[in-house]
Amino acid sequence: MVSHMKTTINISDALFEEAKELTKKEKSTLRALIEEGLHRVLSERKIRKKFVLRKSCFHGQGLQSEFEGEDWQKIRSAAYEGHGG
């Protein structure tokens, strides 16, 4: 059994006008347009996987003494030295 619930939504006037124009053009209803949009958003979010940043820890000794107090440009240049950077 399919049931329907009445509800009130607040949307911008510009979005409402654009939606009304589309429903006239497609000979549809605002209700159908809203339901289609909700179905799309809900299905997209079900299949979207949560992003997890992998752990990339380097168990080194920290910043080498030759770079202490140096600016990022010097550190970057040394990191890319010989690698075309």
N, C-alpha and C. Protein backbone atom coordinates (compact mmCIF):
# COMPACT_ATOMS: atom_id res chain seq x y z
N MET A 1 0.85 -1.18 0.00
CA MET A 1 0.00 0.00 0.00
C MET A 1 0.89 1.24 0.00
N VAL A 2 0.62 2.15 -0.89
CA VAL A 2 1.36 3.40 -0.97
C VAL A 2 0.58 4.48 -0.27
N SER A 3 1.27 5.18 0.63
CA SER A 3 0.61 6.31 1.30
C SER A 3 1.37 7.58 0.98
N HIS A 4 0.73 8.68 1.14
CA HIS A 4 1.33 9.97 0.83
C HIS A 4 1.22 10.87 2.04
N MET A 5 2.22 11.70 2.21
CA MET A 5 2.21 12.64 3.32
C MET A 5 2.25 14.05 2.75
N LYS A 6 1.43 14.92 3.30
CA LYS A 6 1.47 16.31 2.90
C LYS A 6 2.51 17.02 3.75
N THR A 7 3.26 17.91 3.11
CA THR A 7 4.25 18.67 3.84
C THR A 7 4.40 20.03 3.17
N THR A 8 5.04 20.93 3.86
CA THR A 8 5.31 22.26 3.32
C THR A 8 6.81 22.44 3.25
N ILE A 9 7.28 22.97 2.12
CA ILE A 9 8.71 23.25 1.99
C ILE A 9 8.89 24.72 1.61
N ASN A 10 10.00 25.27 2.02
CA ASN A 10 10.35 26.64 1.65
C ASN A 10 11.53 26.58 0.69
N ILE A 11 11.34 27.11 -0.52
CA ILE A 11 12.41 27.18 -1.50
C ILE A 11 12.46 28.60 -2.05
N SER A 12 13.56 28.95 -2.65
CA SER A 12 13.69 30.30 -3.19
C SER A 12 12.69 30.53 -4.32
N ASP A 13 12.30 31.78 -4.48
CA ASP A 13 11.36 32.13 -5.54
C ASP A 13 11.92 31.77 -6.92
N ALA A 14 13.19 32.04 -7.13
CA ALA A 14 13.81 31.76 -8.43
C ALA A 14 13.77 30.26 -8.75
N LEU A 15 14.08 29.44 -7.75
CA LEU A 15 14.06 27.99 -7.96
C LEU A 15 12.64 27.50 -8.22
N PHE A 16 11.70 28.06 -7.51
CA PHE A 16 10.28 27.69 -7.69
C PHE A 16 9.81 28.04 -9.10
N GLU A 17 10.15 29.24 -9.56
CA GLU A 17 9.74 29.67 -10.90
C GLU A 17 10.37 28.78 -11.97
N GLU A 18 11.63 28.44 -11.80
CA GLU A 18 12.31 27.57 -12.76
C GLU A 18 11.66 26.20 -12.78
N ALA A 19 11.32 25.70 -11.62
CA ALA A 19 10.66 24.38 -11.53
C ALA A 19 9.29 24.42 -12.18
N LYS A 20 8.54 25.49 -11.95
CA LYS A 20 7.21 25.62 -12.56
C LYS A 20 7.31 25.64 -14.08
N GLU A 21 8.30 26.37 -14.61
CA GLU A 21 8.48 26.41 -16.06
C GLU A 21 8.80 25.03 -16.62
N LEU A 22 9.64 24.30 -15.92
CA LEU A 22 10.00 22.96 -16.38
C LEU A 22 8.80 22.03 -16.36
N THR A 23 8.01 22.10 -15.31
CA THR A 23 6.84 21.21 -15.23
C THR A 23 5.83 21.53 -16.32
N LYS A 24 5.68 22.80 -16.68
CA LYS A 24 4.79 23.16 -17.80
C LYS A 24 5.32 22.60 -19.10
N LYS A 25 6.63 22.78 -19.31
CA LYS A 25 7.27 22.32 -20.54
C LYS A 25 7.16 20.81 -20.69
N GLU A 26 7.35 20.08 -19.59
CA GLU A 26 7.32 18.62 -19.62
C GLU A 26 5.94 18.04 -19.33
N LYS A 27 4.95 18.91 -19.14
CA LYS A 27 3.59 18.47 -18.80
C LYS A 27 3.61 17.52 -17.61
N SER A 28 4.24 18.00 -16.55
CA SER A 28 4.39 17.21 -15.33
C SER A 28 3.87 18.03 -14.16
N THR A 29 4.20 17.60 -12.97
CA THR A 29 3.78 18.34 -11.77
C THR A 29 5.00 18.64 -10.90
N LEU A 30 4.84 19.64 -10.06
CA LEU A 30 5.90 19.98 -9.12
C LEU A 30 6.17 18.82 -8.18
N ARG A 31 5.10 18.15 -7.77
CA ARG A 31 5.26 16.99 -6.90
C ARG A 31 6.14 15.92 -7.56
N ALA A 32 5.89 15.63 -8.83
CA ALA A 32 6.67 14.61 -9.54
C ALA A 32 8.13 15.03 -9.65
N LEU A 33 8.36 16.31 -9.93
CA LEU A 33 9.72 16.81 -10.04
C LEU A 33 10.46 16.70 -8.71
N ILE A 34 9.82 17.08 -7.63
CA ILE A 34 10.44 16.99 -6.30
C ILE A 34 10.71 15.54 -5.93
N GLU A 35 9.74 14.66 -6.19
CA GLU A 35 9.95 13.25 -5.87
C GLU A 35 11.10 12.66 -6.68
N GLU A 36 11.19 13.01 -7.97
CA GLU A 36 12.29 12.52 -8.79
C GLU A 36 13.64 12.99 -8.24
N GLY A 37 13.70 14.27 -7.86
CA GLY A 37 14.93 14.80 -7.29
C GLY A 37 15.31 14.11 -6.00
N LEU A 38 14.36 13.90 -5.13
CA LEU A 38 14.64 13.22 -3.87
C LEU A 38 15.10 11.79 -4.09
N HIS A 39 14.45 11.09 -5.02
CA HIS A 39 14.87 9.72 -5.33
C HIS A 39 16.31 9.68 -5.81
N ARG A 40 16.67 10.63 -6.69
CA ARG A 40 18.04 10.66 -7.20
C ARG A 40 19.05 10.92 -6.10
N VAL A 41 18.78 11.92 -5.28
CA VAL A 41 19.72 12.27 -4.20
C VAL A 41 19.87 11.11 -3.22
N LEU A 42 18.78 10.52 -2.84
CA LEU A 42 18.83 9.42 -1.88
C LEU A 42 19.59 8.22 -2.44
N SER A 43 19.37 7.88 -3.72
CA SER A 43 20.07 6.72 -4.28
C SER A 43 21.56 7.03 -4.45
N GLU A 44 21.92 8.26 -4.84
CA GLU A 44 23.33 8.63 -4.96
C GLU A 44 24.05 8.51 -3.63
N ARG A 45 23.41 8.97 -2.60
CA ARG A 45 24.05 8.96 -1.28
C ARG A 45 24.15 7.56 -0.70
N LYS A 46 23.29 6.66 -1.10
CA LYS A 46 23.39 5.28 -0.63
C LYS A 46 24.63 4.60 -1.21
N ILE A 47 24.95 4.90 -2.48
CA ILE A 47 26.08 4.22 -3.11
C ILE A 47 27.40 4.95 -2.91
N ARG A 48 27.36 6.20 -2.47
CA ARG A 48 28.59 6.96 -2.25
C ARG A 48 29.30 6.40 -1.02
N LYS A 49 30.56 6.07 -1.20
CA LYS A 49 31.33 5.52 -0.10
C LYS A 49 31.97 6.65 0.71
N LYS A 50 32.08 6.43 1.98
CA LYS A 50 32.72 7.41 2.85
C LYS A 50 34.22 7.43 2.55
N PHE A 51 34.76 8.63 2.39
CA PHE A 51 36.19 8.77 2.13
C PHE A 51 36.98 8.52 3.41
N VAL A 52 37.98 7.67 3.31
CA VAL A 52 38.85 7.40 4.44
C VAL A 52 40.28 7.65 3.99
N LEU A 53 40.95 8.57 4.65
CA LEU A 53 42.33 8.87 4.33
C LEU A 53 43.21 7.77 4.90
N ARG A 54 44.01 7.17 4.02
CA ARG A 54 44.86 6.09 4.50
C ARG A 54 45.97 6.66 5.38
N LYS A 55 46.42 5.87 6.31
CA LYS A 55 47.48 6.29 7.20
C LYS A 55 48.80 6.21 6.44
N SER A 56 49.51 7.30 6.39
CA SER A 56 50.80 7.32 5.68
C SER A 56 51.85 7.91 6.61
N CYS A 57 52.19 7.14 7.57
CA CYS A 57 53.14 7.57 8.59
C CYS A 57 54.54 7.08 8.22
N PHE A 58 55.50 7.97 8.33
CA PHE A 58 56.89 7.61 8.08
C PHE A 58 57.61 7.67 9.41
N HIS A 59 58.15 6.57 9.81
CA HIS A 59 58.78 6.48 11.13
C HIS A 59 60.23 6.95 11.07
N GLY A 60 60.40 8.21 10.70
CA GLY A 60 61.74 8.78 10.60
C GLY A 60 62.12 9.49 11.89
N GLN A 61 63.13 10.28 11.77
CA GLN A 61 63.66 11.00 12.94
C GLN A 61 63.26 12.47 12.93
N GLY A 62 62.29 12.82 12.10
CA GLY A 62 61.85 14.21 12.03
C GLY A 62 62.68 15.01 11.05
N LEU A 63 62.64 16.33 11.18
CA LEU A 63 63.33 17.22 10.27
C LEU A 63 64.84 17.11 10.47
N GLN A 64 65.56 16.96 9.38
CA GLN A 64 67.01 16.88 9.46
C GLN A 64 67.58 18.23 9.89
N SER A 65 68.68 18.20 10.61
CA SER A 65 69.25 19.41 11.20
C SER A 65 69.58 20.47 10.15
N GLU A 66 69.95 20.07 8.94
CA GLU A 66 70.30 21.06 7.92
C GLU A 66 69.09 21.89 7.46
N PHE A 67 67.87 21.42 7.77
CA PHE A 67 66.68 22.14 7.36
C PHE A 67 65.98 22.87 8.51
N GLU A 68 66.44 22.73 9.71
CA GLU A 68 65.81 23.42 10.84
C GLU A 68 65.92 24.92 10.66
N GLY A 69 64.81 25.59 10.77
CA GLY A 69 64.76 27.03 10.63
C GLY A 69 64.74 27.51 9.19
N GLU A 70 64.76 26.60 8.23
CA GLU A 70 64.75 26.98 6.81
C GLU A 70 63.32 27.15 6.32
N ASP A 71 63.16 27.85 5.22
CA ASP A 71 61.84 28.05 4.65
C ASP A 71 61.43 26.84 3.81
N TRP A 72 60.16 26.78 3.50
CA TRP A 72 59.59 25.65 2.77
C TRP A 72 60.23 25.49 1.39
N GLN A 73 60.58 26.59 0.74
CA GLN A 73 61.15 26.52 -0.60
C GLN A 73 62.45 25.71 -0.61
N LYS A 74 63.29 25.89 0.40
CA LYS A 74 64.55 25.13 0.46
C LYS A 74 64.26 23.64 0.70
N ILE A 75 63.32 23.35 1.57
CA ILE A 75 62.97 21.96 1.86
C ILE A 75 62.39 21.30 0.62
N ARG A 76 61.49 22.00 -0.07
CA ARG A 76 60.88 21.48 -1.28
C ARG A 76 61.93 21.24 -2.37
N SER A 77 62.82 22.18 -2.56
CA SER A 77 63.87 22.03 -3.57
C SER A 77 64.73 20.80 -3.31
N ALA A 78 65.05 20.57 -2.04
CA ALA A 78 65.86 19.40 -1.69
C ALA A 78 65.08 18.11 -1.91
N ALA A 79 63.79 18.12 -1.63
CA ALA A 79 62.98 16.92 -1.79
C ALA A 79 62.87 16.52 -3.26
N TYR A 80 62.83 17.51 -4.15
CA TYR A 80 62.68 17.21 -5.57
C TYR A 80 64.00 17.20 -6.32
N GLU A 81 65.08 17.41 -5.63
CA GLU A 81 66.39 17.44 -6.29
C GLU A 81 66.66 16.13 -7.01
N GLY A 82 66.97 16.25 -8.29
CA GLY A 82 67.25 15.05 -9.09
C GLY A 82 66.00 14.33 -9.59
N HIS A 83 64.82 14.89 -9.31
CA HIS A 83 63.56 14.26 -9.72
C HIS A 83 62.77 15.12 -10.69
N GLY A 84 63.38 16.14 -11.24
CA GLY A 84 62.72 16.97 -12.23
C GLY A 84 61.74 17.97 -11.67
N GLY A 85 61.74 18.22 -10.38
CA GLY A 85 60.79 19.14 -9.79
C GLY A 85 61.37 20.46 -9.62
